[in-house]
Amino acid sequence: MSRLVRLGAMVLLALILSSAPSHTSPVSAHAELQSAFPAIDGTVDALPASITLTFTEEVKTDGITVTVTGPDGTRVDTGSAAVDLTNAGRNVVNVPLYNGGPGEYTVHWVTVSNLDGDEATGDFVFIVGGAGTAVIGEAAVASPTPNPDFRGNPLNPEGNFDSRALALSVGAGLLVAVAIFGIWMVIRPKNPKFGSRVDRE
């Protein structure tokens, strides 16, 4: 009888162990934010040319959206966040940025997992200190901006585009052209066919 009990216990234990993996396998997966540069809630001296986000799992190449908002509420990202295909895990995302000054920046991200298509979203902030306001890297300086609210854009009435200086420059150019034409009319050489202006009068 004891042999039958032991045999039954062994069979029961085998059934429990064989069914264990089905209970521990994940039901769903999400590409959650693991780390970032600049660091989450961190501080940097100057706004970098791009930020880097590292997620807990592979992100679909067409399933990533990142927006970065500056201290004045203006978007400073180029809208071209992309998965780093040189990374074997496909879990690193690079986000190019425009120029920006000191203050608090907010990052909002949305990912789609490449494992099961589940979506995840989140936000974090980082601080750009006042010690340096220059942008690190040439890409952020050279890139044009499609955002009409960006400082320096002539479509932005609060930007630093100087329309008065442009008007003064154009007016001065016209005055110089008129003056040159008047001097030429006075000192132009006598035309042998028609005679001087004095003779005609």
N, C-alpha and C. Protein backbone atom coordinates (compact mmCIF):
# COMPACT_ATOMS: atom_id res chain seq x y z
N MET A 1 0.84 -1.21 0.00
CA MET A 1 0.00 0.00 0.00
C MET A 1 0.86 1.25 0.00
N SER A 2 1.94 1.22 0.80
CA SER A 2 2.81 2.38 0.85
C SER A 2 3.48 2.62 -0.50
N ARG A 3 3.75 1.51 -1.26
CA ARG A 3 4.34 1.68 -2.58
C ARG A 3 3.38 2.42 -3.51
N LEU A 4 2.07 2.09 -3.42
CA LEU A 4 1.08 2.76 -4.26
C LEU A 4 0.95 4.24 -3.90
N VAL A 5 1.06 4.52 -2.59
CA VAL A 5 0.98 5.92 -2.14
C VAL A 5 2.15 6.72 -2.68
N ARG A 6 3.36 6.13 -2.60
CA ARG A 6 4.54 6.83 -3.10
C ARG A 6 4.45 7.04 -4.61
N LEU A 7 3.95 6.01 -5.30
CA LEU A 7 3.82 6.12 -6.75
C LEU A 7 2.83 7.21 -7.13
N GLY A 8 1.72 7.25 -6.38
CA GLY A 8 0.72 8.28 -6.66
C GLY A 8 1.26 9.67 -6.38
N ALA A 9 2.05 9.82 -5.30
CA ALA A 9 2.63 11.12 -4.97
C ALA A 9 3.61 11.56 -6.05
N MET A 10 4.39 10.61 -6.58
CA MET A 10 5.35 10.95 -7.63
C MET A 10 4.64 11.38 -8.91
N VAL A 11 3.57 10.68 -9.24
CA VAL A 11 2.79 11.06 -10.44
C VAL A 11 2.19 12.44 -10.26
N LEU A 12 1.64 12.72 -9.08
CA LEU A 12 1.04 14.02 -8.81
C LEU A 12 2.09 15.14 -8.88
N LEU A 13 3.28 14.89 -8.32
CA LEU A 13 4.36 15.88 -8.37
C LEU A 13 4.80 16.13 -9.79
N ALA A 14 4.87 15.09 -10.60
CA ALA A 14 5.26 15.24 -12.00
C ALA A 14 4.25 16.09 -12.76
N LEU A 15 2.96 15.87 -12.48
CA LEU A 15 1.92 16.67 -13.14
C LEU A 15 2.02 18.14 -12.75
N ILE A 16 2.30 18.40 -11.48
CA ILE A 16 2.42 19.79 -11.01
C ILE A 16 3.60 20.48 -11.67
N LEU A 17 4.75 19.78 -11.75
CA LEU A 17 5.95 20.37 -12.35
C LEU A 17 5.77 20.60 -13.84
N SER A 18 5.10 19.71 -14.52
CA SER A 18 4.91 19.86 -15.97
C SER A 18 3.97 20.99 -16.31
N SER A 19 3.06 21.30 -15.41
CA SER A 19 2.10 22.39 -15.67
C SER A 19 2.60 23.74 -15.19
N ALA A 20 3.71 23.77 -14.45
CA ALA A 20 4.21 25.02 -13.88
C ALA A 20 4.56 26.06 -14.92
N PRO A 21 5.25 25.75 -16.02
CA PRO A 21 5.62 26.79 -17.00
C PRO A 21 4.44 27.53 -17.59
N SER A 22 3.30 26.85 -17.75
CA SER A 22 2.15 27.53 -18.32
C SER A 22 1.61 28.61 -17.40
N HIS A 23 1.86 28.47 -16.09
CA HIS A 23 1.38 29.48 -15.14
C HIS A 23 2.35 30.66 -15.03
N THR A 24 3.63 30.44 -15.33
CA THR A 24 4.62 31.50 -15.16
C THR A 24 4.91 32.24 -16.46
N SER A 25 4.43 31.78 -17.61
CA SER A 25 4.67 32.47 -18.87
C SER A 25 3.92 33.78 -18.88
N PRO A 26 4.50 34.86 -19.42
CA PRO A 26 3.84 36.17 -19.41
C PRO A 26 2.62 36.21 -20.31
N VAL A 27 1.58 36.86 -19.85
CA VAL A 27 0.37 37.01 -20.64
C VAL A 27 0.54 38.10 -21.67
N SER A 28 1.21 39.19 -21.32
CA SER A 28 1.44 40.29 -22.25
C SER A 28 2.76 40.95 -21.90
N ALA A 29 3.27 41.73 -22.85
CA ALA A 29 4.55 42.42 -22.65
C ALA A 29 4.41 43.87 -23.08
N HIS A 30 5.17 44.74 -22.43
CA HIS A 30 5.16 46.15 -22.75
C HIS A 30 6.59 46.67 -22.83
N ALA A 31 6.84 47.55 -23.77
CA ALA A 31 8.15 48.20 -23.89
C ALA A 31 8.15 49.43 -22.99
N GLU A 32 8.49 49.23 -21.72
CA GLU A 32 8.50 50.31 -20.74
C GLU A 32 9.87 51.00 -20.75
N LEU A 33 9.88 52.26 -20.35
CA LEU A 33 11.12 53.02 -20.30
C LEU A 33 12.00 52.48 -19.18
N GLN A 34 13.24 52.16 -19.53
CA GLN A 34 14.20 51.65 -18.55
C GLN A 34 15.17 52.73 -18.09
N SER A 35 15.69 53.51 -19.04
CA SER A 35 16.62 54.59 -18.71
C SER A 35 16.61 55.61 -19.83
N ALA A 36 17.25 56.74 -19.60
CA ALA A 36 17.26 57.80 -20.60
C ALA A 36 18.50 58.66 -20.44
N PHE A 37 18.88 59.32 -21.52
CA PHE A 37 19.88 60.38 -21.47
C PHE A 37 19.34 61.58 -22.25
N PRO A 38 19.25 62.75 -21.59
CA PRO A 38 19.54 63.04 -20.19
C PRO A 38 18.71 62.16 -19.24
N ALA A 39 19.25 61.97 -18.05
CA ALA A 39 18.61 61.08 -17.10
C ALA A 39 17.24 61.59 -16.67
N ILE A 40 16.38 60.65 -16.31
CA ILE A 40 15.05 61.00 -15.80
C ILE A 40 15.21 61.85 -14.52
N ASP A 41 14.59 63.03 -14.53
CA ASP A 41 14.70 63.98 -13.42
C ASP A 41 16.14 64.47 -13.21
N GLY A 42 16.98 64.29 -14.22
CA GLY A 42 18.36 64.73 -14.11
C GLY A 42 18.57 66.14 -14.63
N THR A 43 19.81 66.62 -14.55
CA THR A 43 20.16 67.97 -14.98
C THR A 43 21.40 67.91 -15.87
N VAL A 44 21.35 68.65 -16.98
CA VAL A 44 22.50 68.77 -17.88
C VAL A 44 22.81 70.25 -18.06
N ASP A 45 24.05 70.56 -18.41
CA ASP A 45 24.45 71.96 -18.57
C ASP A 45 23.83 72.59 -19.80
N ALA A 46 23.68 71.81 -20.88
CA ALA A 46 23.15 72.33 -22.13
C ALA A 46 22.29 71.28 -22.80
N LEU A 47 21.34 71.73 -23.62
CA LEU A 47 20.47 70.81 -24.32
C LEU A 47 21.27 70.04 -25.36
N PRO A 48 21.25 68.71 -25.31
CA PRO A 48 22.02 67.93 -26.29
C PRO A 48 21.37 67.95 -27.66
N ALA A 49 22.09 67.51 -28.67
CA ALA A 49 21.56 67.45 -30.03
C ALA A 49 20.48 66.39 -30.16
N SER A 50 20.47 65.41 -29.26
CA SER A 50 19.44 64.38 -29.27
C SER A 50 19.36 63.76 -27.88
N ILE A 51 18.22 63.12 -27.59
CA ILE A 51 18.09 62.36 -26.36
C ILE A 51 18.00 60.88 -26.73
N THR A 52 18.35 60.02 -25.78
CA THR A 52 18.34 58.57 -26.00
C THR A 52 17.46 57.91 -24.95
N LEU A 53 16.53 57.08 -25.41
CA LEU A 53 15.63 56.36 -24.52
C LEU A 53 15.89 54.86 -24.67
N THR A 54 16.05 54.17 -23.56
CA THR A 54 16.26 52.72 -23.57
C THR A 54 15.06 52.04 -22.91
N PHE A 55 14.46 51.09 -23.63
CA PHE A 55 13.25 50.43 -23.15
C PHE A 55 13.54 48.99 -22.72
N THR A 56 12.58 48.39 -22.02
CA THR A 56 12.80 47.07 -21.42
C THR A 56 12.75 45.95 -22.44
N GLU A 57 12.23 46.21 -23.64
CA GLU A 57 12.18 45.19 -24.68
C GLU A 57 12.13 45.84 -26.06
N GLU A 58 12.14 44.99 -27.08
CA GLU A 58 12.21 45.47 -28.46
C GLU A 58 11.00 46.32 -28.82
N VAL A 59 11.27 47.44 -29.50
CA VAL A 59 10.23 48.37 -29.93
C VAL A 59 10.04 48.27 -31.44
N LYS A 60 8.80 48.25 -31.90
CA LYS A 60 8.54 48.23 -33.34
C LYS A 60 9.11 49.48 -33.97
N THR A 61 9.72 49.34 -35.14
CA THR A 61 10.35 50.49 -35.79
C THR A 61 9.34 51.57 -36.16
N ASP A 62 8.10 51.17 -36.44
CA ASP A 62 7.06 52.15 -36.74
C ASP A 62 6.11 52.34 -35.57
N GLY A 63 6.54 51.92 -34.39
CA GLY A 63 5.67 52.00 -33.22
C GLY A 63 6.24 52.84 -32.12
N ILE A 64 6.93 53.92 -32.47
CA ILE A 64 7.51 54.80 -31.46
C ILE A 64 7.16 56.25 -31.75
N THR A 65 6.68 56.95 -30.74
CA THR A 65 6.38 58.38 -30.84
C THR A 65 6.95 59.06 -29.61
N VAL A 66 7.74 60.12 -29.83
CA VAL A 66 8.33 60.86 -28.71
C VAL A 66 8.18 62.35 -28.99
N THR A 67 7.66 63.09 -28.03
CA THR A 67 7.59 64.55 -28.13
C THR A 67 8.34 65.15 -26.94
N VAL A 68 9.14 66.17 -27.24
CA VAL A 68 9.91 66.86 -26.21
C VAL A 68 9.48 68.32 -26.21
N THR A 69 9.02 68.80 -25.07
CA THR A 69 8.49 70.16 -24.94
C THR A 69 9.42 70.99 -24.07
N GLY A 70 9.74 72.19 -24.54
CA GLY A 70 10.65 73.08 -23.83
C GLY A 70 9.99 73.84 -22.72
N PRO A 71 10.75 74.69 -22.02
CA PRO A 71 10.22 75.46 -20.88
C PRO A 71 9.07 76.38 -21.25
N ASP A 72 9.05 76.88 -22.50
CA ASP A 72 7.98 77.80 -22.90
C ASP A 72 6.82 77.08 -23.59
N GLY A 73 6.81 75.75 -23.55
CA GLY A 73 5.72 74.99 -24.15
C GLY A 73 5.92 74.68 -25.61
N THR A 74 7.05 75.06 -26.18
CA THR A 74 7.33 74.81 -27.60
C THR A 74 7.98 73.44 -27.77
N ARG A 75 7.55 72.72 -28.80
CA ARG A 75 8.19 71.43 -29.10
C ARG A 75 9.60 71.68 -29.63
N VAL A 76 10.56 70.92 -29.11
CA VAL A 76 11.94 71.07 -29.55
C VAL A 76 12.46 69.81 -30.24
N ASP A 77 11.62 68.77 -30.34
CA ASP A 77 12.05 67.59 -31.08
C ASP A 77 11.73 67.76 -32.56
N THR A 78 12.44 67.04 -33.41
CA THR A 78 12.25 67.16 -34.86
C THR A 78 11.12 66.30 -35.38
N GLY A 79 10.52 65.50 -34.51
CA GLY A 79 9.45 64.61 -34.95
C GLY A 79 9.96 63.37 -35.66
N SER A 80 11.24 63.06 -35.48
CA SER A 80 11.84 61.93 -36.20
C SER A 80 12.47 60.92 -35.24
N ALA A 81 11.79 60.62 -34.14
CA ALA A 81 12.28 59.59 -33.22
C ALA A 81 12.39 58.26 -33.96
N ALA A 82 13.50 57.53 -33.73
CA ALA A 82 13.72 56.30 -34.47
C ALA A 82 14.43 55.26 -33.62
N VAL A 83 14.07 53.99 -33.85
CA VAL A 83 14.74 52.89 -33.17
C VAL A 83 16.15 52.76 -33.75
N ASP A 84 17.13 52.61 -32.86
CA ASP A 84 18.52 52.44 -33.28
C ASP A 84 18.72 51.02 -33.80
N LEU A 85 18.80 50.90 -35.13
CA LEU A 85 18.90 49.58 -35.75
C LEU A 85 20.28 48.96 -35.58
N THR A 86 21.26 49.73 -35.12
CA THR A 86 22.59 49.16 -34.85
C THR A 86 22.62 48.45 -33.50
N ASN A 87 21.58 48.66 -32.70
CA ASN A 87 21.49 48.00 -31.40
C ASN A 87 20.79 46.65 -31.57
N ALA A 88 21.44 45.57 -31.11
CA ALA A 88 20.91 44.22 -31.33
C ALA A 88 19.55 44.02 -30.67
N GLY A 89 19.33 44.67 -29.53
CA GLY A 89 18.07 44.50 -28.83
C GLY A 89 16.92 45.29 -29.41
N ARG A 90 17.21 46.22 -30.32
CA ARG A 90 16.18 47.08 -30.92
C ARG A 90 15.31 47.75 -29.85
N ASN A 91 15.94 48.09 -28.73
CA ASN A 91 15.19 48.71 -27.63
C ASN A 91 15.71 50.11 -27.30
N VAL A 92 16.57 50.66 -28.16
CA VAL A 92 17.12 52.00 -27.96
C VAL A 92 16.54 52.94 -29.02
N VAL A 93 16.06 54.09 -28.57
CA VAL A 93 15.43 55.07 -29.47
C VAL A 93 16.17 56.40 -29.36
N ASN A 94 16.50 56.98 -30.51
CA ASN A 94 17.17 58.28 -30.57
C ASN A 94 16.17 59.35 -31.03
N VAL A 95 16.21 60.50 -30.37
CA VAL A 95 15.27 61.59 -30.67
C VAL A 95 16.06 62.88 -30.92
N PRO A 96 16.24 63.30 -32.19
CA PRO A 96 16.95 64.56 -32.48
C PRO A 96 16.18 65.76 -31.95
N LEU A 97 16.93 66.80 -31.54
CA LEU A 97 16.33 68.00 -30.96
C LEU A 97 16.77 69.25 -31.70
N TYR A 98 15.95 70.31 -31.57
CA TYR A 98 16.31 71.64 -32.02
C TYR A 98 17.03 72.37 -30.89
N ASN A 99 17.38 73.62 -31.15
CA ASN A 99 18.02 74.46 -30.14
C ASN A 99 17.05 74.77 -29.00
N GLY A 100 17.59 74.97 -27.82
CA GLY A 100 16.75 75.32 -26.68
C GLY A 100 17.59 75.82 -25.52
N GLY A 101 17.00 76.67 -24.70
CA GLY A 101 17.72 77.27 -23.59
C GLY A 101 17.48 76.55 -22.28
N PRO A 102 17.87 77.17 -21.18
CA PRO A 102 17.74 76.53 -19.86
C PRO A 102 16.28 76.42 -19.42
N GLY A 103 16.02 75.45 -18.55
CA GLY A 103 14.68 75.26 -18.02
C GLY A 103 14.31 73.79 -17.96
N GLU A 104 13.03 73.51 -17.69
CA GLU A 104 12.55 72.14 -17.56
C GLU A 104 11.97 71.65 -18.89
N TYR A 105 12.37 70.47 -19.29
CA TYR A 105 11.90 69.86 -20.53
C TYR A 105 11.09 68.61 -20.19
N THR A 106 9.96 68.45 -20.88
CA THR A 106 9.08 67.32 -20.66
C THR A 106 9.12 66.37 -21.86
N VAL A 107 9.30 65.09 -21.58
CA VAL A 107 9.36 64.08 -22.62
C VAL A 107 8.14 63.16 -22.49
N HIS A 108 7.39 63.04 -23.58
CA HIS A 108 6.24 62.12 -23.61
C HIS A 108 6.52 61.06 -24.66
N TRP A 109 6.41 59.79 -24.28
CA TRP A 109 6.72 58.71 -25.21
C TRP A 109 5.58 57.69 -25.28
N VAL A 110 5.46 57.11 -26.47
CA VAL A 110 4.49 56.04 -26.71
C VAL A 110 5.22 54.95 -27.49
N THR A 111 5.15 53.71 -27.02
CA THR A 111 5.81 52.60 -27.70
C THR A 111 4.82 51.49 -28.01
N VAL A 112 5.17 50.70 -29.03
CA VAL A 112 4.44 49.47 -29.35
C VAL A 112 5.46 48.34 -29.30
N SER A 113 5.21 47.34 -28.47
CA SER A 113 6.13 46.22 -28.33
C SER A 113 6.19 45.42 -29.62
N ASN A 114 7.40 45.04 -30.01
CA ASN A 114 7.56 44.21 -31.20
C ASN A 114 7.35 42.73 -30.88
N LEU A 115 7.12 42.40 -29.59
CA LEU A 115 6.90 41.01 -29.20
C LEU A 115 5.43 40.62 -29.35
N ASP A 116 4.53 41.50 -28.87
CA ASP A 116 3.10 41.15 -28.96
C ASP A 116 2.22 42.31 -29.38
N GLY A 117 2.82 43.47 -29.71
CA GLY A 117 2.03 44.60 -30.18
C GLY A 117 1.37 45.41 -29.10
N ASP A 118 1.69 45.14 -27.83
CA ASP A 118 1.10 45.92 -26.74
C ASP A 118 1.68 47.33 -26.71
N GLU A 119 0.84 48.30 -26.35
CA GLU A 119 1.26 49.70 -26.31
C GLU A 119 1.54 50.13 -24.88
N ALA A 120 2.55 50.98 -24.73
CA ALA A 120 2.87 51.57 -23.42
C ALA A 120 3.13 53.05 -23.62
N THR A 121 2.95 53.83 -22.57
CA THR A 121 3.14 55.27 -22.65
C THR A 121 3.64 55.80 -21.32
N GLY A 122 4.30 56.95 -21.35
CA GLY A 122 4.80 57.54 -20.12
C GLY A 122 5.39 58.92 -20.34
N ASP A 123 5.77 59.56 -19.25
CA ASP A 123 6.34 60.91 -19.30
C ASP A 123 7.47 61.01 -18.29
N PHE A 124 8.41 61.89 -18.57
CA PHE A 124 9.43 62.24 -17.57
C PHE A 124 9.98 63.62 -17.91
N VAL A 125 10.71 64.21 -16.99
CA VAL A 125 11.28 65.53 -17.21
C VAL A 125 12.78 65.50 -16.94
N PHE A 126 13.47 66.47 -17.53
CA PHE A 126 14.87 66.71 -17.19
C PHE A 126 15.11 68.21 -17.23
N ILE A 127 16.17 68.66 -16.61
CA ILE A 127 16.46 70.08 -16.46
C ILE A 127 17.71 70.44 -17.25
N VAL A 128 17.62 71.55 -17.98
CA VAL A 128 18.81 72.13 -18.61
C VAL A 128 19.21 73.32 -17.76
N GLY A 129 20.44 73.27 -17.21
CA GLY A 129 20.89 74.33 -16.32
C GLY A 129 21.26 75.59 -17.05
N GLY A 130 21.47 76.67 -16.30
CA GLY A 130 21.78 77.96 -16.89
C GLY A 130 23.25 78.17 -17.17
N ALA A 131 24.10 77.21 -16.79
CA ALA A 131 25.54 77.40 -16.97
C ALA A 131 25.92 77.48 -18.44
N GLY A 132 25.24 76.72 -19.25
CA GLY A 132 25.55 76.74 -20.68
C GLY A 132 24.27 76.59 -21.48
N THR A 133 24.07 77.43 -22.47
CA THR A 133 22.86 77.37 -23.28
C THR A 133 23.15 76.95 -24.71
N ALA A 134 24.42 76.73 -25.03
CA ALA A 134 24.74 76.31 -26.39
C ALA A 134 24.36 74.85 -26.58
N VAL A 135 23.98 74.51 -27.79
CA VAL A 135 23.58 73.15 -28.09
C VAL A 135 24.82 72.32 -28.39
N ILE A 136 24.87 71.08 -27.86
CA ILE A 136 25.98 70.19 -28.11
C ILE A 136 25.71 69.46 -29.43
N GLY A 137 26.61 69.60 -30.39
CA GLY A 137 26.45 68.91 -31.67
C GLY A 137 25.96 69.84 -32.75
N GLU A 138 26.36 69.57 -33.99
CA GLU A 138 26.02 70.45 -35.10
C GLU A 138 24.61 70.22 -35.60
N ALA A 139 24.07 69.01 -35.41
CA ALA A 139 22.78 68.69 -36.00
C ALA A 139 21.67 69.59 -35.48
N ALA A 140 21.71 69.88 -34.17
CA ALA A 140 20.64 70.69 -33.59
C ALA A 140 20.73 72.14 -34.04
N VAL A 141 21.92 72.62 -34.37
CA VAL A 141 22.07 74.00 -34.78
C VAL A 141 21.68 74.18 -36.24
N ALA A 142 22.03 73.21 -37.06
CA ALA A 142 21.84 73.34 -38.50
C ALA A 142 20.43 73.02 -38.95
N SER A 143 19.68 72.26 -38.15
CA SER A 143 18.36 71.81 -38.59
C SER A 143 17.37 72.96 -38.66
N PRO A 144 16.60 73.10 -39.76
CA PRO A 144 15.53 74.10 -39.81
C PRO A 144 14.36 73.61 -38.97
N THR A 145 13.43 74.49 -38.67
CA THR A 145 12.28 74.09 -37.88
C THR A 145 10.99 74.31 -38.64
N PRO A 146 10.09 73.30 -38.67
CA PRO A 146 8.79 73.47 -39.31
C PRO A 146 7.77 74.06 -38.36
N ASN A 147 8.17 74.33 -37.14
CA ASN A 147 7.24 74.81 -36.13
C ASN A 147 7.13 76.33 -36.19
N PRO A 148 5.96 76.89 -36.56
CA PRO A 148 5.83 78.36 -36.68
C PRO A 148 5.93 79.09 -35.36
N ASP A 149 5.86 78.36 -34.24
CA ASP A 149 5.98 79.00 -32.93
C ASP A 149 7.41 79.04 -32.43
N PHE A 150 8.33 78.47 -33.19
CA PHE A 150 9.72 78.42 -32.73
C PHE A 150 10.35 79.80 -32.79
N ARG A 151 11.12 80.15 -31.78
CA ARG A 151 11.78 81.46 -31.71
C ARG A 151 12.71 81.63 -32.90
N GLY A 152 12.65 82.79 -33.54
CA GLY A 152 13.50 83.07 -34.68
C GLY A 152 12.79 82.84 -36.00
N ASN A 153 11.65 82.16 -36.00
CA ASN A 153 10.90 81.95 -37.22
C ASN A 153 10.18 83.24 -37.58
N PRO A 154 10.29 83.75 -38.84
CA PRO A 154 9.64 85.01 -39.21
C PRO A 154 8.13 84.95 -39.11
N LEU A 155 7.54 83.73 -39.05
CA LEU A 155 6.10 83.62 -38.89
C LEU A 155 5.66 83.83 -37.45
N ASN A 156 6.63 83.85 -36.54
CA ASN A 156 6.32 84.02 -35.13
C ASN A 156 6.48 85.48 -34.73
N PRO A 157 5.37 86.16 -34.37
CA PRO A 157 5.48 87.59 -34.01
C PRO A 157 6.33 87.85 -32.79
N GLU A 158 6.54 86.82 -31.96
CA GLU A 158 7.36 87.00 -30.77
C GLU A 158 8.80 86.56 -30.97
N GLY A 159 9.13 86.14 -32.18
CA GLY A 159 10.48 85.66 -32.46
C GLY A 159 11.45 86.82 -32.58
N ASN A 160 12.73 86.48 -32.91
CA ASN A 160 13.76 87.50 -33.00
C ASN A 160 14.05 87.93 -34.44
N PHE A 161 13.10 87.66 -35.36
CA PHE A 161 13.26 88.11 -36.74
C PHE A 161 13.00 89.62 -36.80
N ASP A 162 13.96 90.43 -37.30
CA ASP A 162 13.88 91.89 -37.27
C ASP A 162 13.35 92.40 -38.60
N SER A 163 12.03 92.56 -38.73
CA SER A 163 11.42 93.03 -39.98
C SER A 163 11.73 94.51 -40.22
N ARG A 164 11.91 95.30 -39.15
CA ARG A 164 12.21 96.72 -39.32
C ARG A 164 13.57 96.91 -39.97
N ALA A 165 14.55 96.11 -39.53
CA ALA A 165 15.88 96.20 -40.13
C ALA A 165 15.85 95.83 -41.60
N LEU A 166 15.04 94.82 -41.96
CA LEU A 166 14.92 94.43 -43.35
C LEU A 166 14.32 95.55 -44.18
N ALA A 167 13.26 96.22 -43.67
CA ALA A 167 12.63 97.31 -44.40
C ALA A 167 13.60 98.48 -44.59
N LEU A 168 14.37 98.80 -43.56
CA LEU A 168 15.34 99.90 -43.67
C LEU A 168 16.42 99.56 -44.69
N SER A 169 16.85 98.32 -44.74
CA SER A 169 17.88 97.92 -45.70
C SER A 169 17.38 98.05 -47.13
N VAL A 170 16.13 97.60 -47.36
CA VAL A 170 15.55 97.69 -48.71
C VAL A 170 15.37 99.16 -49.11
N GLY A 171 14.88 100.00 -48.19
CA GLY A 171 14.69 101.42 -48.50
C GLY A 171 15.99 102.12 -48.81
N ALA A 172 17.05 101.80 -48.05
CA ALA A 172 18.35 102.41 -48.31
C ALA A 172 18.89 102.00 -49.66
N GLY A 173 18.66 100.76 -50.04
CA GLY A 173 19.11 100.30 -51.35
C GLY A 173 18.41 101.02 -52.48
N LEU A 174 17.11 101.26 -52.33
CA LEU A 174 16.36 101.99 -53.36
C LEU A 174 16.84 103.43 -53.48
N LEU A 175 17.12 104.09 -52.35
CA LEU A 175 17.60 105.47 -52.38
C LEU A 175 18.95 105.56 -53.08
N VAL A 176 19.84 104.63 -52.84
CA VAL A 176 21.14 104.63 -53.51
C VAL A 176 20.97 104.45 -55.00
N ALA A 177 20.06 103.57 -55.42
CA ALA A 177 19.84 103.33 -56.84
C ALA A 177 19.31 104.60 -57.52
N VAL A 178 18.37 105.31 -56.87
CA VAL A 178 17.81 106.55 -57.44
C VAL A 178 18.89 107.62 -57.54
N ALA A 179 19.75 107.73 -56.51
CA ALA A 179 20.82 108.73 -56.53
C ALA A 179 21.80 108.46 -57.67
N ILE A 180 22.16 107.22 -57.87
CA ILE A 180 23.09 106.88 -58.96
C ILE A 180 22.48 107.20 -60.31
N PHE A 181 21.19 106.90 -60.47
CA PHE A 181 20.53 107.19 -61.75
C PHE A 181 20.47 108.70 -62.00
N GLY A 182 20.20 109.50 -60.95
CA GLY A 182 20.15 110.94 -61.12
C GLY A 182 21.51 111.53 -61.50
N ILE A 183 22.56 111.06 -60.87
CA ILE A 183 23.92 111.55 -61.19
C ILE A 183 24.27 111.20 -62.64
N TRP A 184 23.90 110.01 -63.05
CA TRP A 184 24.21 109.59 -64.43
C TRP A 184 23.47 110.47 -65.44
N MET A 185 22.22 110.85 -65.13
CA MET A 185 21.45 111.71 -66.04
C MET A 185 22.09 113.09 -66.19
N VAL A 186 22.76 113.57 -65.13
CA VAL A 186 23.35 114.90 -65.16
C VAL A 186 24.68 114.89 -65.91
N ILE A 187 25.51 113.91 -65.65
CA ILE A 187 26.87 113.92 -66.20
C ILE A 187 27.05 113.01 -67.40
N ARG A 188 25.96 112.44 -67.93
CA ARG A 188 26.10 111.52 -69.06
C ARG A 188 26.72 112.27 -70.26
N PRO A 189 27.50 111.59 -71.11
CA PRO A 189 28.16 112.26 -72.26
C PRO A 189 27.15 112.70 -73.32
N LYS A 190 27.55 113.68 -74.12
CA LYS A 190 26.67 114.21 -75.17
C LYS A 190 26.45 113.16 -76.25
N ASN A 191 25.19 112.99 -76.63
CA ASN A 191 24.87 112.05 -77.70
C ASN A 191 25.02 112.76 -79.03
N PRO A 192 25.92 112.34 -79.92
CA PRO A 192 26.14 113.04 -81.19
C PRO A 192 24.91 113.05 -82.10
N LYS A 193 24.03 112.14 -81.92
CA LYS A 193 22.84 112.07 -82.79
C LYS A 193 21.78 113.08 -82.38
N PHE A 194 21.57 113.19 -81.09
CA PHE A 194 20.49 114.05 -80.60
C PHE A 194 20.99 115.34 -79.99
N GLY A 195 22.30 115.44 -79.72
CA GLY A 195 22.84 116.65 -79.10
C GLY A 195 22.63 116.61 -77.60
N SER A 196 23.14 117.65 -76.96
CA SER A 196 23.01 117.71 -75.51
C SER A 196 21.59 118.06 -75.12
N ARG A 197 21.30 117.87 -73.88
CA ARG A 197 19.98 118.20 -73.38
C ARG A 197 19.72 119.71 -73.46
N VAL A 198 20.80 120.50 -73.30
CA VAL A 198 20.64 121.96 -73.36
C VAL A 198 20.28 122.39 -74.75
N ASP A 199 20.96 121.79 -75.81
CA ASP A 199 20.67 122.13 -77.20
C ASP A 199 19.23 121.80 -77.56
N ARG A 200 18.71 120.70 -77.05
CA ARG A 200 17.34 120.31 -77.39
C ARG A 200 16.33 121.25 -76.76
N GLU A 201 16.69 121.87 -75.65
CA GLU A 201 15.74 122.78 -75.00
C GLU A 201 15.81 124.17 -75.64
